[in-house]
């Protein structure tokens, strides 16, 4: 993931927009857990990240790396010479 988890958690929470207490309640975790995620003391696991995306109305597929579209070919300069 290119964005570190503490910033991602905070961005997701604020996109709600949720307070720490509201976000924790929606996720079924303690407010201390959310504080720990946002401070970088701990990091959410993948199921927790997926739940955050769902709670915020976002598609969790955006967590996955984007693959190239089918048929897209990168030209090798050595072959074309």
N, C-alpha and C. Protein backbone atom coordinates (compact mmCIF):
# COMPACT_ATOMS: atom_id res chain seq x y z
N UNK A 1 0.85 -1.17 0.00
CA UNK A 1 0.00 0.00 0.00
C UNK A 1 0.89 1.23 0.00
N UNK A 2 0.59 2.18 -0.87
CA UNK A 2 1.47 3.34 -0.99
C UNK A 2 1.28 4.34 0.13
N UNK A 3 0.09 4.44 0.64
CA UNK A 3 -0.18 5.38 1.72
C UNK A 3 -0.02 4.62 3.03
N UNK A 4 0.71 5.20 4.01
CA UNK A 4 0.87 4.44 5.25
C UNK A 4 -0.47 4.35 5.97
N UNK A 5 -0.63 3.30 6.75
CA UNK A 5 -1.94 2.97 7.31
C UNK A 5 -2.47 4.04 8.25
N UNK A 6 -1.60 4.74 9.00
CA UNK A 6 -2.13 5.73 9.94
C UNK A 6 -2.82 6.87 9.20
N UNK A 7 -2.25 7.29 8.08
CA UNK A 7 -2.89 8.35 7.30
C UNK A 7 -4.13 7.83 6.58
N UNK A 8 -4.08 6.60 6.12
CA UNK A 8 -5.22 6.01 5.44
C UNK A 8 -6.41 5.91 6.39
N UNK A 9 -6.18 5.43 7.60
CA UNK A 9 -7.27 5.29 8.58
C UNK A 9 -7.90 6.65 8.85
N UNK A 10 -7.06 7.65 9.07
CA UNK A 10 -7.60 8.98 9.36
C UNK A 10 -8.37 9.54 8.16
N UNK A 11 -7.84 9.36 6.96
CA UNK A 11 -8.55 9.84 5.77
C UNK A 11 -9.89 9.14 5.59
N UNK A 12 -9.91 7.85 5.82
CA UNK A 12 -11.17 7.11 5.71
C UNK A 12 -12.16 7.60 6.76
N UNK A 13 -11.70 7.76 7.99
CA UNK A 13 -12.59 8.21 9.06
C UNK A 13 -13.17 9.58 8.75
N UNK A 14 -12.32 10.49 8.32
CA UNK A 14 -12.76 11.86 8.05
C UNK A 14 -13.64 11.95 6.81
N UNK A 15 -13.51 10.97 5.91
CA UNK A 15 -14.37 10.97 4.71
C UNK A 15 -15.80 10.63 5.07
N UNK A 16 -16.00 10.04 6.26
CA UNK A 16 -17.32 9.63 6.72
C UNK A 16 -18.38 10.71 6.75
N UNK A 17 -18.20 11.84 7.33
CA UNK A 17 -17.18 12.11 8.35
C UNK A 17 -17.62 11.52 9.69
N UNK A 18 -16.69 10.87 10.35
CA UNK A 18 -16.97 10.26 11.64
C UNK A 18 -16.00 10.78 12.68
N UNK A 19 -16.49 10.87 13.91
CA UNK A 19 -15.58 11.12 15.03
C UNK A 19 -14.87 9.80 15.31
N UNK A 20 -13.86 9.84 16.14
CA UNK A 20 -13.16 8.60 16.51
C UNK A 20 -14.14 7.63 17.16
N UNK A 21 -14.98 8.15 18.05
CA UNK A 21 -15.94 7.29 18.76
C UNK A 21 -16.94 6.67 17.78
N UNK A 22 -17.47 7.47 16.86
CA UNK A 22 -18.43 6.95 15.87
C UNK A 22 -17.79 5.89 14.98
N UNK A 23 -16.59 6.17 14.53
CA UNK A 23 -15.88 5.24 13.64
C UNK A 23 -15.61 3.93 14.36
N UNK A 24 -15.14 4.02 15.60
CA UNK A 24 -14.87 2.82 16.39
C UNK A 24 -16.13 1.98 16.55
N UNK A 25 -17.24 2.65 16.85
CA UNK A 25 -18.50 1.94 17.04
C UNK A 25 -18.93 1.24 15.75
N UNK A 26 -18.82 1.92 14.62
CA UNK A 26 -19.19 1.33 13.33
C UNK A 26 -18.32 0.12 13.00
N UNK A 27 -17.04 0.17 13.41
CA UNK A 27 -16.11 -0.92 13.11
C UNK A 27 -16.13 -2.03 14.15
N UNK A 28 -16.77 -1.77 15.29
CA UNK A 28 -16.81 -2.77 16.35
C UNK A 28 -15.50 -2.90 17.10
N UNK A 29 -14.77 -1.78 17.20
CA UNK A 29 -13.51 -1.76 17.95
C UNK A 29 -13.58 -0.63 18.98
N UNK A 30 -12.61 -0.59 19.86
CA UNK A 30 -12.58 0.48 20.85
C UNK A 30 -12.04 1.77 20.23
N UNK A 31 -12.37 2.89 20.87
CA UNK A 31 -11.83 4.17 20.37
C UNK A 31 -10.32 4.18 20.51
N UNK A 32 -9.79 3.47 21.51
CA UNK A 32 -8.34 3.40 21.69
C UNK A 32 -7.69 2.70 20.50
N UNK A 33 -8.36 1.70 19.96
CA UNK A 33 -7.83 1.01 18.78
C UNK A 33 -7.71 1.98 17.61
N UNK A 34 -8.74 2.81 17.40
CA UNK A 34 -8.70 3.80 16.31
C UNK A 34 -7.58 4.80 16.57
N UNK A 35 -7.46 5.26 17.82
CA UNK A 35 -6.36 6.18 18.18
C UNK A 35 -5.00 5.53 17.87
N UNK A 36 -4.86 4.26 18.23
CA UNK A 36 -3.59 3.55 17.98
C UNK A 36 -3.30 3.44 16.49
N UNK A 37 -4.31 3.16 15.69
CA UNK A 37 -4.12 3.10 14.24
C UNK A 37 -3.68 4.44 13.69
N UNK A 38 -4.38 5.50 14.13
CA UNK A 38 -4.09 6.83 13.60
C UNK A 38 -2.75 7.39 14.07
N UNK A 39 -2.27 6.91 15.21
CA UNK A 39 -0.97 7.38 15.70
C UNK A 39 0.18 6.52 15.18
N UNK A 40 -0.16 5.38 14.57
CA UNK A 40 0.86 4.49 14.04
C UNK A 40 1.39 3.49 15.06
N UNK A 41 0.79 3.44 16.25
CA UNK A 41 1.23 2.47 17.26
C UNK A 41 0.93 1.04 16.81
N UNK A 42 -0.22 0.88 16.20
CA UNK A 42 -0.60 -0.41 15.63
C UNK A 42 -1.18 -0.15 14.24
N UNK A 43 -1.40 -1.22 13.50
CA UNK A 43 -1.98 -1.08 12.16
C UNK A 43 -3.16 -2.03 12.02
N UNK A 44 -4.18 -1.61 11.30
CA UNK A 44 -5.31 -2.52 11.08
C UNK A 44 -4.90 -3.65 10.15
N UNK A 45 -5.54 -4.81 10.35
CA UNK A 45 -5.28 -5.91 9.43
C UNK A 45 -6.19 -5.76 8.20
N UNK A 46 -6.02 -6.61 7.23
CA UNK A 46 -6.76 -6.48 5.97
C UNK A 46 -8.28 -6.53 6.16
N UNK A 47 -8.81 -7.48 6.95
CA UNK A 47 -10.27 -7.47 7.14
C UNK A 47 -10.78 -6.17 7.77
N UNK A 48 -9.99 -5.58 8.67
CA UNK A 48 -10.39 -4.31 9.26
C UNK A 48 -10.36 -3.19 8.23
N UNK A 49 -9.35 -3.18 7.36
CA UNK A 49 -9.28 -2.17 6.30
C UNK A 49 -10.47 -2.31 5.35
N UNK A 50 -10.81 -3.53 5.01
CA UNK A 50 -11.95 -3.76 4.12
C UNK A 50 -13.22 -3.23 4.78
N UNK A 51 -13.38 -3.52 6.06
CA UNK A 51 -14.56 -3.04 6.80
C UNK A 51 -14.61 -1.51 6.79
N UNK A 52 -13.46 -0.85 6.97
CA UNK A 52 -13.41 0.62 6.94
C UNK A 52 -13.92 1.15 5.61
N UNK A 53 -13.46 0.54 4.53
CA UNK A 53 -13.89 0.97 3.20
C UNK A 53 -15.40 0.81 3.05
N UNK A 54 -15.93 -0.32 3.49
CA UNK A 54 -17.36 -0.58 3.38
C UNK A 54 -18.14 0.43 4.21
N UNK A 55 -17.72 0.66 5.45
CA UNK A 55 -18.38 1.62 6.33
C UNK A 55 -18.41 3.01 5.71
N UNK A 56 -17.35 3.36 5.00
CA UNK A 56 -17.25 4.69 4.39
C UNK A 56 -17.89 4.74 3.00
N UNK A 57 -18.49 3.63 2.57
CA UNK A 57 -19.17 3.61 1.28
C UNK A 57 -18.22 3.54 0.10
N UNK A 58 -17.02 3.03 0.33
CA UNK A 58 -16.02 2.92 -0.73
C UNK A 58 -15.85 1.47 -1.15
N UNK A 59 -15.37 1.26 -2.35
CA UNK A 59 -15.15 -0.08 -2.86
C UNK A 59 -13.80 -0.60 -2.35
N UNK A 60 -13.81 -1.69 -1.56
CA UNK A 60 -12.55 -2.22 -1.05
C UNK A 60 -11.61 -2.75 -2.14
N UNK A 61 -12.11 -2.93 -3.37
CA UNK A 61 -11.25 -3.39 -4.46
C UNK A 61 -10.15 -2.37 -4.76
N UNK A 62 -10.37 -1.12 -4.35
CA UNK A 62 -9.36 -0.10 -4.59
C UNK A 62 -8.10 -0.33 -3.75
N UNK A 63 -8.20 -1.25 -2.78
CA UNK A 63 -7.01 -1.63 -2.00
C UNK A 63 -6.06 -2.49 -2.82
N UNK A 64 -6.60 -3.15 -3.84
CA UNK A 64 -5.80 -4.06 -4.66
C UNK A 64 -4.99 -3.28 -5.68
N UNK A 65 -3.81 -3.79 -6.03
CA UNK A 65 -3.03 -3.13 -7.08
C UNK A 65 -3.79 -3.17 -8.40
N UNK A 66 -3.70 -2.11 -9.14
CA UNK A 66 -4.37 -2.03 -10.44
C UNK A 66 -3.55 -2.81 -11.46
N UNK A 67 -4.22 -3.67 -12.23
CA UNK A 67 -3.50 -4.41 -13.26
C UNK A 67 -3.72 -3.73 -14.60
N UNK A 68 -2.80 -3.97 -15.51
CA UNK A 68 -2.89 -3.38 -16.84
C UNK A 68 -4.10 -3.95 -17.57
N UNK A 69 -4.67 -3.13 -18.42
CA UNK A 69 -5.82 -3.58 -19.21
C UNK A 69 -5.36 -4.63 -20.21
N UNK A 70 -6.24 -5.57 -20.47
CA UNK A 70 -5.92 -6.65 -21.41
C UNK A 70 -5.62 -6.06 -22.79
N UNK A 71 -4.60 -6.57 -23.41
CA UNK A 71 -4.23 -6.11 -24.74
C UNK A 71 -3.21 -5.00 -24.72
N UNK A 72 -2.95 -4.43 -23.55
CA UNK A 72 -1.96 -3.36 -23.46
C UNK A 72 -0.57 -3.99 -23.54
N UNK A 73 0.20 -3.59 -24.51
CA UNK A 73 1.52 -4.17 -24.73
C UNK A 73 2.55 -3.06 -24.64
N UNK A 74 3.59 -3.32 -23.90
CA UNK A 74 4.69 -2.37 -23.80
C UNK A 74 5.74 -2.76 -24.83
N UNK A 75 6.10 -1.81 -25.66
CA UNK A 75 7.06 -2.09 -26.72
C UNK A 75 8.48 -2.16 -26.15
N UNK A 76 9.20 -3.19 -26.56
CA UNK A 76 10.60 -3.35 -26.17
C UNK A 76 11.45 -2.69 -27.24
N UNK A 77 12.21 -1.63 -26.89
CA UNK A 77 12.99 -0.91 -27.89
C UNK A 77 14.02 -1.78 -28.62
N UNK A 78 14.54 -2.81 -27.97
CA UNK A 78 15.54 -3.67 -28.61
C UNK A 78 14.91 -4.53 -29.70
N UNK A 79 13.65 -4.87 -29.54
CA UNK A 79 12.98 -5.71 -30.53
C UNK A 79 12.63 -4.89 -31.77
N UNK A 80 12.28 -3.64 -31.60
CA UNK A 80 11.83 -2.83 -32.74
C UNK A 80 12.99 -2.29 -33.58
N UNK A 81 14.22 -2.50 -33.17
CA UNK A 81 15.37 -2.00 -33.93
C UNK A 81 15.71 -2.90 -35.10
